[in-house]
Amino acid sequence: MKTSVFLVVVVSGALLAAGWSLRRGAAAVTRQPPAVVVAKLPEIGTVYERTYCTGTGPLRLALGIRYLKMGQSGAVRFRAGRFSRNREMQPGYPIAWFPQSRSHALWLAAAAGGENGVVVGWVRVIGHSAHSDTCQSGYDPLRVTVQIYPRSLDYNRNSWRYLRRLIG
């Protein structure tokens, strides 16, 4: 009798643990919001955006970039308020996501270049109006500004220092 009770407890505990782990895995998969194309930077790559909304919490945005598979390597600079981050990119890398931010405006500057010169561009995304700080506010479409600079043989443009001059 003790053995059968022990087996029932062990089996139910195993099933309960398996259910929790499956539930946690499904929740982790469904938490990731879909990526939305914001802009395509010619000869550089595609800029994406994700909106994170936790019900009544603050609205947060994240930007990411994927360089063209047949493109050239380069540098990326992200800025949201006072926060900034630099990253080196190679063709074919997966989307490089930058941290979520509550900032009103997000900036992303990218450069790609090689033997035939350097192409530089930047994107400014204003994700929500100043009055809509929560997820419960109405839908505000993204406002996007894109600037592309013509190909140049100045290889110093393919650096974070140059991108910093563009977007801060």
Protein backbone atom coordinates (compact mmCIF):
# COMPACT_ATOMS: atom_id res chain seq x y z
CA MET A 1 0.00 0.00 0.00
CA LYS A 2 2.81 2.41 0.90
CA THR A 3 4.54 1.66 -2.41
CA SER A 4 1.45 2.44 -4.50
CA VAL A 5 0.84 5.72 -2.64
CA PHE A 6 4.50 6.61 -3.12
CA LEU A 7 4.25 5.85 -6.87
CA VAL A 8 1.09 7.96 -7.22
CA VAL A 9 2.78 10.89 -5.47
CA VAL A 10 5.92 10.59 -7.63
CA VAL A 11 3.98 10.28 -10.90
CA SER A 12 1.65 13.18 -10.08
CA GLY A 13 4.66 15.30 -9.06
CA ALA A 14 6.40 14.47 -12.35
CA LEU A 15 3.28 15.34 -14.35
CA LEU A 16 2.87 18.58 -12.44
CA ALA A 17 6.52 19.55 -13.04
CA ALA A 18 6.21 18.69 -16.74
CA GLY A 19 3.06 20.80 -17.01
CA TRP A 20 4.77 23.79 -15.40
CA SER A 21 7.80 23.53 -17.65
CA LEU A 22 5.63 23.27 -20.78
CA ARG A 23 3.53 26.21 -19.65
CA ARG A 24 6.64 28.31 -19.00
CA GLY A 25 8.05 27.39 -22.42
CA ALA A 26 4.82 28.33 -24.18
CA ALA A 27 4.67 31.61 -22.30
CA ALA A 28 8.25 32.43 -23.29
CA VAL A 29 7.42 31.80 -26.93
CA THR A 30 4.26 33.93 -26.93
CA ARG A 31 5.79 36.89 -25.05
CA GLN A 32 7.95 37.98 -27.99
CA PRO A 33 6.00 40.56 -30.03
CA PRO A 34 6.28 40.38 -33.81
CA ALA A 35 8.93 42.40 -35.59
CA VAL A 36 7.63 45.16 -37.86
CA VAL A 37 9.65 46.56 -40.76
CA VAL A 38 10.31 50.26 -40.15
CA ALA A 39 12.66 51.12 -43.01
CA LYS A 40 14.98 49.62 -45.56
CA LEU A 41 18.36 51.27 -45.83
CA PRO A 42 19.62 50.69 -49.39
CA GLU A 43 22.81 48.61 -49.57
CA ILE A 44 22.86 48.34 -45.75
CA GLY A 45 19.89 46.39 -44.42
CA THR A 46 16.43 46.46 -42.86
CA VAL A 47 15.44 48.21 -39.62
CA TYR A 48 12.77 46.53 -37.45
CA GLU A 49 10.69 47.62 -34.46
CA ARG A 50 8.96 45.76 -31.65
CA THR A 51 6.38 47.28 -29.31
CA TYR A 52 6.30 45.84 -25.80
CA CYS A 53 3.09 46.37 -23.87
CA THR A 54 2.44 44.79 -20.48
CA GLY A 55 -1.19 45.74 -20.03
CA THR A 56 -1.26 48.81 -17.83
CA GLY A 57 2.52 49.28 -17.70
CA PRO A 58 4.54 51.74 -19.75
CA LEU A 59 4.85 51.36 -23.50
CA ARG A 60 8.35 50.29 -24.60
CA LEU A 61 9.92 50.12 -28.04
CA ALA A 62 12.93 48.21 -29.33
CA LEU A 63 14.78 48.65 -32.62
CA GLY A 64 16.76 46.04 -34.48
CA ILE A 65 18.66 45.78 -37.74
CA ARG A 66 19.57 42.97 -40.11
CA TYR A 67 22.31 43.57 -42.65
CA LEU A 68 21.82 42.30 -46.20
CA LYS A 69 23.01 38.73 -46.72
CA MET A 70 24.97 39.71 -49.80
CA GLY A 71 25.99 43.08 -48.35
CA GLN A 72 29.10 44.37 -46.65
CA SER A 73 30.19 44.54 -43.02
CA GLY A 74 29.74 47.68 -41.02
CA ALA A 75 28.95 49.46 -37.78
CA VAL A 76 25.67 50.31 -36.06
CA ARG A 77 24.95 52.90 -33.37
CA PHE A 78 21.72 53.00 -31.35
CA ARG A 79 20.58 55.91 -29.19
CA ALA A 80 17.58 56.37 -26.91
CA GLY A 81 17.78 59.46 -24.72
CA ARG A 82 21.19 59.38 -23.01
CA PHE A 83 21.68 55.65 -23.59
CA SER A 84 23.71 54.57 -26.62
CA ARG A 85 25.26 51.35 -27.81
CA ASN A 86 27.58 50.42 -30.69
CA ARG A 87 27.71 47.11 -32.49
CA GLU A 88 29.71 45.64 -35.34
CA MET A 89 27.66 43.83 -37.99
CA GLN A 90 28.43 41.26 -40.63
CA PRO A 91 26.29 40.18 -43.60
CA GLY A 92 23.99 37.28 -42.75
CA TYR A 93 23.92 37.91 -38.99
CA PRO A 94 20.47 37.54 -37.39
CA ILE A 95 18.59 40.67 -36.38
CA ALA A 96 20.61 42.63 -33.83
CA TRP A 97 18.09 43.90 -31.27
CA PHE A 98 18.84 46.86 -29.05
CA PRO A 99 17.31 47.25 -25.56
CA GLN A 100 13.69 48.23 -25.01
CA SER A 101 13.20 51.87 -24.16
CA ARG A 102 10.48 54.18 -22.90
CA SER A 103 12.18 57.05 -24.72
CA HIS A 104 10.00 59.14 -27.02
CA ALA A 105 12.48 58.99 -29.92
CA LEU A 106 14.85 56.17 -30.86
CA TRP A 107 17.76 56.60 -33.27
CA LEU A 108 19.67 53.99 -35.22
CA ALA A 109 22.56 54.85 -37.56
CA ALA A 110 24.28 52.27 -39.73
CA ALA A 111 27.19 52.17 -42.14
CA ALA A 112 28.29 49.41 -44.49
CA GLY A 113 31.29 49.46 -46.72
CA GLY A 114 34.07 47.70 -48.46
CA GLU A 115 36.24 48.05 -51.53
CA ASN A 116 33.64 50.05 -53.45
CA GLY A 117 33.05 52.68 -50.74
CA VAL A 118 30.82 53.27 -47.72
CA VAL A 119 27.07 53.86 -47.53
CA VAL A 120 25.65 55.51 -44.40
CA GLY A 121 22.08 56.01 -43.23
CA TRP A 122 20.12 56.73 -40.09
CA VAL A 123 16.56 56.22 -38.88
CA ARG A 124 14.66 58.16 -36.21
CA VAL A 125 11.53 56.48 -34.85
CA ILE A 126 9.01 58.33 -32.74
CA GLY A 127 6.92 55.56 -31.32
CA HIS A 128 4.25 57.35 -29.32
CA SER A 129 3.07 60.82 -28.57
CA ALA A 130 4.15 62.57 -25.40
CA HIS A 131 0.68 62.05 -23.89
CA SER A 132 0.42 58.29 -24.48
CA ASP A 133 2.75 56.79 -21.93
CA THR A 134 0.71 53.67 -21.18
CA CYS A 135 -0.41 50.72 -23.24
CA GLN A 136 -4.03 51.66 -22.61
CA SER A 137 -3.78 54.81 -24.71
CA GLY A 138 -5.03 54.80 -28.28
CA TYR A 139 -3.12 53.57 -31.30
CA ASP A 140 -0.40 55.94 -32.42
CA PRO A 141 1.34 54.99 -35.66
CA LEU A 142 5.11 55.20 -35.76
CA ARG A 143 6.61 58.35 -37.21
CA VAL A 144 9.80 57.52 -39.06
CA THR A 145 12.48 59.76 -40.54
CA VAL A 146 15.10 58.16 -42.79
CA GLN A 147 18.28 59.77 -44.13
CA ILE A 148 20.62 58.05 -46.60
CA TYR A 149 23.99 59.49 -47.63
CA PRO A 150 25.49 58.70 -51.03
CA ARG A 151 28.33 56.21 -51.38
CA SER A 152 31.66 57.70 -50.42
CA LEU A 153 35.24 56.53 -50.59
CA ASP A 154 35.89 58.08 -47.16
CA TYR A 155 36.37 54.85 -45.17
CA ASN A 156 36.30 56.76 -41.87
CA ARG A 157 32.52 56.91 -42.30
CA ASN A 158 32.33 53.18 -41.51
CA SER A 159 33.06 53.86 -37.85
CA TRP A 160 31.18 54.51 -34.62
CA ARG A 161 32.82 57.93 -34.31
CA TYR A 162 31.24 59.05 -37.56
CA LEU A 163 27.84 57.57 -36.61
CA ARG A 164 28.07 59.37 -33.28
CA ARG A 165 28.48 62.66 -35.11
CA LEU A 166 25.24 61.90 -36.99
CA ILE A 167 22.90 60.88 -34.16
CA GLY A 168 24.74 61.73 -30.97
